[in-house]
Amino acid sequence: MRLRQIEVFHAVYANGSISAAARGLNVSQPAVSKVLRHTETQLGIRLFDLVRGRLVPTDEAHALFREVDEVFGRIASLQITANNLRNAGAGHLRIGVAPSLGLEIAPAAISAFRKKFPSVTFDIKTLHHNDVLRALYERECDLAIGYDPPDHPRLKSRKLSAAQLYLIARPGHFPSVSETLDIAELSGLEIVSVNGSGPIGDLVETALEKAQVEVREIISVGTYYIAAALVRFGSGVAIVDEFTARSMVSHGLDTIEISPEMRFGVHAIWLEDRPPSKLGLRFVKAIEEALQK
């Protein structure tokens, strides 16, 4: 299949009709029909049946779409990369940050940085742990600021600081606890968990297993900030990074240290063959200073 055939088949399958596919591709309906018929002839299989005036994919079409969708995704990735290369500039920084670092650390660093370099512009994206490599590879960002980075041969990193995990709860949830809570006291509690948090999530699981503590995971979410918001409105407790925990103090939540400590690193991350520019390294220093403060 040629790229045009892939594009047409993907559009028809995704939109469910030739007319909708033609509108999406900005071409005529006869042109779409012609490419589709040629593809079926070339492959020697029928891709769609007409049932009550609607196109219904055949089993072969379902199987083919799984492969075509992956190819189509790579084409989209190529377009993104080309666009990002075109828009890159020496006075512009594209930074990916972990969501919780976007609450205070990144804004503080950017504000301080722009006082020194007022002509520099920024494009800031929030990145989850599993998105770091893709975002760097597709040039969505020049470097990422996140937690212990994924283990990959193309990734390089520099540790900027260390941080720890805290328990957050509504006031009075632990009346006898002042500052530190033994992890064993979490046994049986209702906890809001965070999925896809990479090594930090592994820290929590390992600590709970080692202490032989079983908790009730009542809700799972994608970010620590959402977990904290759920706790604020009365949905159990949560173990979050210290940056999220600190931001929740103003909302009246108790921030409690856990014993034993669960510590992790904060890193600047980039691709090995695309090291940060001088401007990028200066911004890394600004992040490091914001973390120290």
Protein backbone atom coordinates (compact mmCIF):
# COMPACT_ATOMS: atom_id res chain seq x y z
CA MET A 1 0.00 0.00 0.00
CA ARG A 2 1.20 3.47 -0.89
CA LEU A 3 0.93 6.34 1.57
CA ARG A 4 -2.07 7.78 -0.29
CA GLN A 5 -3.88 4.44 -0.03
CA ILE A 6 -3.06 4.27 3.68
CA GLU A 7 -4.38 7.80 4.17
CA VAL A 8 -7.65 7.10 2.32
CA PHE A 9 -8.28 3.75 4.00
CA HIS A 10 -7.60 5.28 7.43
CA ALA A 11 -9.99 8.17 6.73
CA VAL A 12 -12.82 5.93 5.49
CA TYR A 13 -12.43 3.49 8.37
CA ALA A 14 -12.22 6.25 10.99
CA ASN A 15 -15.10 8.35 9.60
CA GLY A 16 -17.40 5.52 8.57
CA SER A 17 -18.29 6.93 5.17
CA ILE A 18 -16.72 8.01 1.90
CA SER A 19 -18.34 11.46 2.06
CA ALA A 20 -16.93 12.18 5.54
CA ALA A 21 -13.52 10.84 4.51
CA ALA A 22 -13.54 13.09 1.43
CA ARG A 23 -14.35 16.15 3.56
CA GLY A 24 -11.58 15.28 6.00
CA LEU A 25 -9.04 14.83 3.20
CA ASN A 26 -10.37 17.86 1.28
CA VAL A 27 -10.85 15.85 -1.93
CA SER A 28 -13.84 14.69 -3.96
CA GLN A 29 -15.89 11.60 -3.12
CA PRO A 30 -15.14 9.96 -6.50
CA ALA A 31 -11.41 10.34 -5.81
CA VAL A 32 -11.76 8.55 -2.47
CA SER A 33 -13.90 5.79 -4.02
CA LYS A 34 -11.36 5.28 -6.81
CA VAL A 35 -8.42 4.91 -4.43
CA LEU A 36 -10.42 2.57 -2.18
CA ARG A 37 -11.47 0.32 -5.10
CA HIS A 38 -7.90 0.22 -6.41
CA THR A 39 -6.63 -0.75 -2.93
CA GLU A 40 -9.15 -3.61 -2.65
CA THR A 41 -8.19 -4.85 -6.13
CA GLN A 42 -4.50 -4.62 -5.39
CA LEU A 43 -4.82 -6.43 -2.04
CA GLY A 44 -7.30 -8.98 -3.36
CA ILE A 45 -9.64 -8.53 -0.39
CA ARG A 46 -12.84 -6.65 0.31
CA LEU A 47 -12.41 -3.96 2.94
CA PHE A 48 -15.95 -2.62 3.35
CA ASP A 49 -19.50 -3.91 2.84
CA LEU A 50 -22.46 -1.65 2.15
CA VAL A 51 -25.11 -2.45 4.79
CA ARG A 52 -28.31 -0.38 4.85
CA GLY A 53 -26.56 2.52 3.17
CA ARG A 54 -23.54 2.48 5.48
CA LEU A 55 -20.01 1.22 4.99
CA VAL A 56 -19.20 -1.58 7.44
CA PRO A 57 -15.55 -2.70 7.76
CA THR A 58 -14.87 -6.38 7.08
CA ASP A 59 -12.82 -8.56 9.40
CA GLU A 60 -9.88 -8.06 7.06
CA ALA A 61 -10.31 -4.29 7.34
CA HIS A 62 -10.23 -4.49 11.15
CA ALA A 63 -7.00 -6.47 11.02
CA LEU A 64 -5.46 -4.12 8.46
CA PHE A 65 -6.46 -1.00 10.39
CA ARG A 66 -4.38 -2.01 13.40
CA GLU A 67 -1.28 -1.94 11.20
CA VAL A 68 -2.31 1.11 9.20
CA ASP A 69 -3.09 3.11 12.33
CA GLU A 70 0.46 2.54 13.58
CA VAL A 71 1.92 3.68 10.25
CA PHE A 72 -0.44 6.67 10.22
CA GLY A 73 0.76 7.58 13.70
CA ARG A 74 4.38 7.54 12.55
CA ILE A 75 3.48 9.82 9.63
CA ALA A 76 1.88 12.24 12.10
CA SER A 77 5.03 12.03 14.23
CA LEU A 78 7.15 12.89 11.19
CA GLN A 79 4.98 15.94 10.49
CA ILE A 80 5.28 17.08 14.10
CA THR A 81 9.04 16.68 14.04
CA ALA A 82 9.37 18.65 10.78
CA ASN A 83 7.16 21.43 12.18
CA ASN A 84 9.14 21.60 15.41
CA LEU A 85 12.42 21.77 13.49
CA ARG A 86 11.05 24.69 11.46
CA ASN A 87 9.93 26.58 14.57
CA ALA A 88 13.09 26.03 16.60
CA GLY A 89 15.16 29.12 17.35
CA ALA A 90 18.14 30.17 19.44
CA GLY A 91 16.05 32.55 21.54
CA HIS A 92 13.25 30.09 22.16
CA LEU A 93 13.22 27.24 24.70
CA ARG A 94 10.84 24.28 24.56
CA ILE A 95 10.71 22.67 27.96
CA GLY A 96 8.82 19.61 29.16
CA VAL A 97 8.12 19.45 32.89
CA ALA A 98 6.53 16.93 35.22
CA PRO A 99 3.03 18.19 36.09
CA SER A 100 3.80 18.80 39.76
CA LEU A 101 6.93 20.79 38.87
CA GLY A 102 4.65 23.06 36.86
CA LEU A 103 2.87 24.21 40.02
CA GLU A 104 5.70 26.33 41.44
CA ILE A 105 9.22 25.23 40.46
CA ALA A 106 9.03 25.82 36.69
CA PRO A 107 7.10 29.13 36.97
CA ALA A 108 9.59 30.44 39.54
CA ALA A 109 12.56 29.42 37.38
CA ILE A 110 11.07 30.95 34.22
CA SER A 111 10.31 34.23 35.98
CA ALA A 112 13.85 34.49 37.35
CA PHE A 113 15.35 33.45 33.99
CA ARG A 114 13.42 36.06 31.99
CA LYS A 115 14.62 38.82 34.30
CA LYS A 116 18.15 37.96 33.12
CA PHE A 117 17.19 37.13 29.51
CA PRO A 118 14.01 39.11 28.72
CA SER A 119 14.12 38.35 24.97
CA VAL A 120 13.90 34.58 25.46
CA THR A 121 10.52 32.98 24.81
CA PHE A 122 9.23 29.64 26.11
CA ASP A 123 7.00 26.77 25.10
CA ILE A 124 6.13 24.72 28.20
CA LYS A 125 4.56 21.28 28.05
CA THR A 126 3.64 18.99 30.93
CA LEU A 127 5.04 15.49 30.49
CA HIS A 128 4.26 12.28 32.29
CA HIS A 129 7.09 9.83 32.90
CA ASN A 130 6.21 7.63 29.91
CA ASP A 131 5.99 10.59 27.51
CA VAL A 132 9.51 11.96 28.04
CA LEU A 133 11.35 9.94 25.37
CA ARG A 134 8.66 10.49 22.73
CA ALA A 135 8.50 14.26 23.34
CA LEU A 136 12.28 14.61 23.06
CA TYR A 137 12.46 12.32 20.03
CA GLU A 138 9.73 14.23 18.19
CA ARG A 139 11.36 17.54 19.17
CA GLU A 140 8.30 18.71 21.08
CA CYS A 141 10.80 19.90 23.67
CA ASP A 142 14.53 20.56 23.79
CA LEU A 143 14.90 19.15 27.27
CA ALA A 144 12.70 17.79 30.02
CA ILE A 145 12.67 18.42 33.76
CA GLY A 146 11.27 15.45 35.61
CA TYR A 147 11.79 12.73 38.12
CA ASP A 148 14.07 9.69 37.88
CA PRO A 149 14.19 9.32 34.07
CA PRO A 150 13.26 6.24 32.05
CA ASP A 151 16.11 3.79 31.47
CA HIS A 152 16.92 4.20 27.77
CA PRO A 153 20.26 4.25 25.89
CA ARG A 154 19.37 7.47 24.03
CA LEU A 155 18.57 9.43 27.19
CA LYS A 156 21.08 11.45 29.19
CA SER A 157 20.30 13.25 32.41
CA ARG A 158 21.74 15.43 35.14
CA LYS A 159 20.48 15.19 38.70
CA LEU A 160 19.48 18.60 40.01
CA SER A 161 18.08 17.78 43.42
CA ALA A 162 16.48 15.12 45.58
CA ALA A 163 12.97 15.14 46.98
CA GLN A 164 10.69 12.86 48.96
CA LEU A 165 7.14 11.62 49.10
CA TYR A 166 4.63 12.86 51.66
CA LEU A 167 1.22 11.76 52.86
CA ILE A 168 -1.53 14.33 52.52
CA ALA A 169 -4.81 14.17 54.42
CA ARG A 170 -7.62 16.39 55.59
CA PRO A 171 -7.09 18.01 59.00
CA GLY A 172 -7.90 15.65 61.87
CA HIS A 173 -7.57 12.46 59.82
CA PHE A 174 -4.59 11.48 61.99
CA PRO A 175 -5.25 13.32 65.28
CA SER A 176 -2.38 11.65 67.15
CA VAL A 177 0.24 12.34 64.47
CA SER A 178 2.26 15.55 64.58
CA GLU A 179 4.88 15.40 61.81
CA THR A 180 5.85 11.80 60.95
CA LEU A 181 3.70 8.75 60.29
CA ASP A 182 5.03 5.19 60.27
CA ILE A 183 4.09 3.50 57.01
CA ALA A 184 2.54 0.61 58.96
CA GLU A 185 -0.23 2.97 60.07
CA LEU A 186 -1.49 3.15 56.49
CA SER A 187 -2.76 -0.41 56.70
CA GLY A 188 -6.41 -0.65 55.65
CA LEU A 189 -6.72 3.04 54.77
CA GLU A 190 -8.55 4.30 51.68
CA ILE A 191 -5.92 5.75 49.33
CA VAL A 192 -6.05 7.66 46.07
CA SER A 193 -3.32 6.15 43.87
CA VAL A 194 -1.50 7.61 40.87
CA ASN A 195 -1.07 5.44 37.77
CA GLY A 196 1.78 5.81 35.29
CA SER A 197 4.05 7.59 37.76
CA GLY A 198 7.04 5.41 36.89
CA PRO A 199 9.80 4.94 39.44
CA ILE A 200 8.00 7.09 42.04
CA GLY A 201 5.00 4.79 41.94
CA ASP A 202 7.41 1.86 42.24
CA LEU A 203 8.85 3.48 45.38
CA VAL A 204 5.43 3.42 47.03
CA GLU A 205 4.67 -0.15 46.00
CA THR A 206 8.06 -1.39 47.21
CA ALA A 207 7.75 0.40 50.55
CA LEU A 208 4.25 -0.98 51.15
CA GLU A 209 5.31 -4.51 50.22
CA LYS A 210 8.40 -4.36 52.43
CA ALA A 211 6.33 -3.19 55.41
CA GLN A 212 3.65 -5.80 54.54
CA VAL A 213 1.03 -3.08 54.45
CA GLU A 214 -2.17 -3.46 52.43
CA VAL A 215 -4.17 -0.35 51.55
CA ARG A 216 -7.50 0.12 49.78
CA GLU A 217 -6.98 1.90 46.48
CA ILE A 218 -10.38 3.52 46.05
CA ILE A 219 -9.53 5.81 43.11
CA SER A 220 -6.69 5.84 40.59
CA VAL A 221 -5.78 9.04 38.73
CA GLY A 222 -3.18 10.28 36.27
CA THR A 223 -1.49 13.10 38.23
CA TYR A 224 -0.57 13.88 41.81
CA TYR A 225 -2.39 17.20 41.60
CA ILE A 226 -5.71 15.46 40.89
CA ALA A 227 -5.02 13.01 43.73
CA ALA A 228 -4.48 15.97 46.06
CA ALA A 229 -7.69 17.63 44.89
CA LEU A 230 -9.64 14.44 45.62
CA VAL A 231 -8.19 14.29 49.12
CA ARG A 232 -9.13 17.94 49.64
CA PHE A 233 -12.75 17.07 48.92
CA GLY A 234 -12.77 14.10 51.28
CA SER A 235 -11.75 11.09 49.18
CA GLY A 236 -9.28 9.28 51.42
CA VAL A 237 -5.59 10.12 51.65
CA ALA A 238 -2.77 10.13 49.08
CA ILE A 239 0.99 9.74 48.86
CA VAL A 240 2.34 12.52 46.64
CA ASP A 241 5.61 14.23 45.74
CA GLU A 242 6.70 17.02 48.03
CA PHE A 243 6.06 19.76 45.43
CA THR A 244 2.39 18.83 45.22
CA ALA A 245 2.27 18.43 48.99
CA ARG A 246 3.68 21.92 49.59
CA SER A 247 1.17 23.47 47.20
CA MET A 248 -1.67 21.84 49.15
CA VAL A 249 -0.76 23.48 52.47
CA SER A 250 -2.59 26.64 51.38
CA HIS A 251 -5.71 24.52 50.87
CA GLY A 252 -5.65 23.44 54.51
CA LEU A 253 -4.45 19.85 54.03
CA ASP A 254 -2.08 18.20 56.49
CA THR A 255 1.31 17.31 55.00
CA ILE A 256 2.88 14.40 56.88
CA GLU A 257 6.31 12.84 56.50
CA ILE A 258 6.35 9.06 56.09
CA SER A 259 8.80 6.79 57.88
CA PRO A 260 10.88 5.32 56.35
CA GLU A 261 11.53 8.10 53.85
CA MET A 262 10.84 7.52 50.15
CA ARG A 263 13.24 9.71 48.18
CA PHE A 264 13.66 10.31 44.44
CA GLY A 265 15.71 12.51 42.13
CA VAL A 266 14.77 15.55 40.07
CA HIS A 267 16.61 15.56 36.74
CA ALA A 268 17.21 17.52 33.58
CA ILE A 269 16.79 15.04 30.70
CA TRP A 270 17.76 15.20 27.02
CA LEU A 271 18.66 12.99 24.08
CA GLU A 272 22.28 11.88 23.93
CA ASP A 273 22.72 13.11 20.35
CA ARG A 274 20.87 16.40 21.02
CA PRO A 275 22.52 17.97 24.07
CA PRO A 276 21.05 21.22 25.46
CA SER A 277 22.17 24.53 24.00
CA LYS A 278 24.04 27.07 26.12
CA LEU A 279 20.72 28.79 26.70
CA GLY A 280 19.17 25.47 27.72
CA LEU A 281 21.97 24.79 30.19
CA ARG A 282 21.46 28.24 31.72
CA PHE A 283 17.79 27.41 32.20
CA VAL A 284 18.72 24.10 33.84
CA LYS A 285 20.74 26.16 36.30
CA ALA A 286 17.68 28.34 36.95
CA ILE A 287 15.62 25.22 37.72
CA GLU A 288 18.36 24.00 40.04
CA GLU A 289 18.32 27.30 41.92
CA ALA A 290 14.51 27.23 42.19
CA LEU A 291 14.72 23.72 43.65
CA GLN A 292 17.30 24.84 46.21
CA LYS A 293 15.04 27.69 47.33
